[in-house]
């Protein structure tokens, strides 16, 4: 699979253009639980926010209202 080959749209194109100017390794994938992020009763976060706070992903790019990807750099 090409880097981000299964995804399309503005954000994917922007990451690809940035990668041409500023070479870095990246991986595009869906956020594991498919959520944007909500605080849970124990104070932890799920979704994109949880991946950022747990340092699972360094950058997150929302693709649609229902889907987001985590980008590992």
Protein backbone atom coordinates (compact mmCIF):
# COMPACT_ATOMS: atom_id res chain seq x y z
CA UNK A 1 0.00 0.00 0.00
CA UNK A 2 1.23 3.50 -0.82
CA UNK A 3 1.55 5.76 2.22
CA UNK A 4 -2.05 6.67 2.89
CA UNK A 5 -3.12 4.84 -0.27
CA UNK A 6 -6.50 3.77 1.07
CA UNK A 7 -7.49 7.34 1.96
CA UNK A 8 -8.43 10.33 -0.15
CA UNK A 9 -9.25 13.97 0.34
CA UNK A 10 -7.74 17.30 1.24
CA UNK A 11 -5.97 16.26 4.44
CA UNK A 12 -4.36 13.22 2.81
CA UNK A 13 -3.21 15.39 -0.11
CA UNK A 14 -1.83 17.98 2.31
CA UNK A 15 0.18 15.35 4.21
CA UNK A 16 1.54 14.02 0.92
CA UNK A 17 2.59 17.53 -0.24
CA UNK A 18 4.24 18.28 3.10
CA UNK A 19 6.10 14.98 2.87
CA UNK A 20 7.55 16.00 -0.51
CA UNK A 21 8.99 19.21 0.99
CA UNK A 22 9.82 17.92 4.47
CA UNK A 23 10.63 14.22 4.16
CA UNK A 24 9.53 12.18 7.18
CA UNK A 25 8.09 8.74 7.74
CA UNK A 26 4.39 8.56 8.37
CA UNK A 27 1.62 6.04 8.68
CA UNK A 28 -2.05 6.78 8.08
CA UNK A 29 -4.58 4.66 9.89
CA UNK A 30 -8.04 4.93 11.35
CA UNK A 31 -8.30 5.84 15.00
CA UNK A 32 -8.66 2.49 16.74
CA UNK A 33 -12.05 3.13 18.35
CA UNK A 34 -13.40 5.39 15.57
CA UNK A 35 -14.29 8.19 18.01
CA UNK A 36 -13.35 11.87 18.12
CA UNK A 37 -12.92 11.80 21.87
CA UNK A 38 -14.99 12.07 25.00
CA UNK A 39 -13.98 12.10 28.62
CA UNK A 40 -14.92 8.85 30.31
CA UNK A 41 -16.05 8.48 33.94
CA UNK A 42 -12.50 7.53 35.05
CA UNK A 43 -11.10 10.79 33.63
CA UNK A 44 -9.39 9.14 30.66
CA UNK A 45 -10.26 10.06 27.08
CA UNK A 46 -11.23 7.83 24.18
CA UNK A 47 -10.95 8.50 20.45
CA UNK A 48 -8.54 10.97 18.85
CA UNK A 49 -8.04 12.90 22.08
CA UNK A 50 -7.21 9.68 23.94
CA UNK A 51 -4.63 8.70 21.33
CA UNK A 52 -2.97 12.10 21.72
CA UNK A 53 -2.97 12.02 25.52
CA UNK A 54 -1.64 8.43 25.60
CA UNK A 55 0.93 9.39 22.90
CA UNK A 56 -0.32 6.65 20.57
CA UNK A 57 -0.43 9.26 17.78
CA UNK A 58 1.44 12.54 17.43
CA UNK A 59 -0.81 14.21 14.88
CA UNK A 60 -4.45 13.57 14.14
CA UNK A 61 -6.28 14.56 11.00
CA UNK A 62 -10.08 14.46 10.89
CA UNK A 63 -11.31 13.07 7.57
CA UNK A 64 -15.10 13.17 7.92
CA UNK A 65 -17.56 13.72 10.76
CA UNK A 66 -17.37 9.97 11.50
CA UNK A 67 -13.75 9.04 10.75
CA UNK A 68 -10.34 10.28 11.85
CA UNK A 69 -6.84 9.01 11.28
CA UNK A 70 -3.78 8.98 13.47
CA UNK A 71 -0.50 9.89 11.85
CA UNK A 72 2.66 8.42 13.34
CA UNK A 73 5.79 10.44 12.67
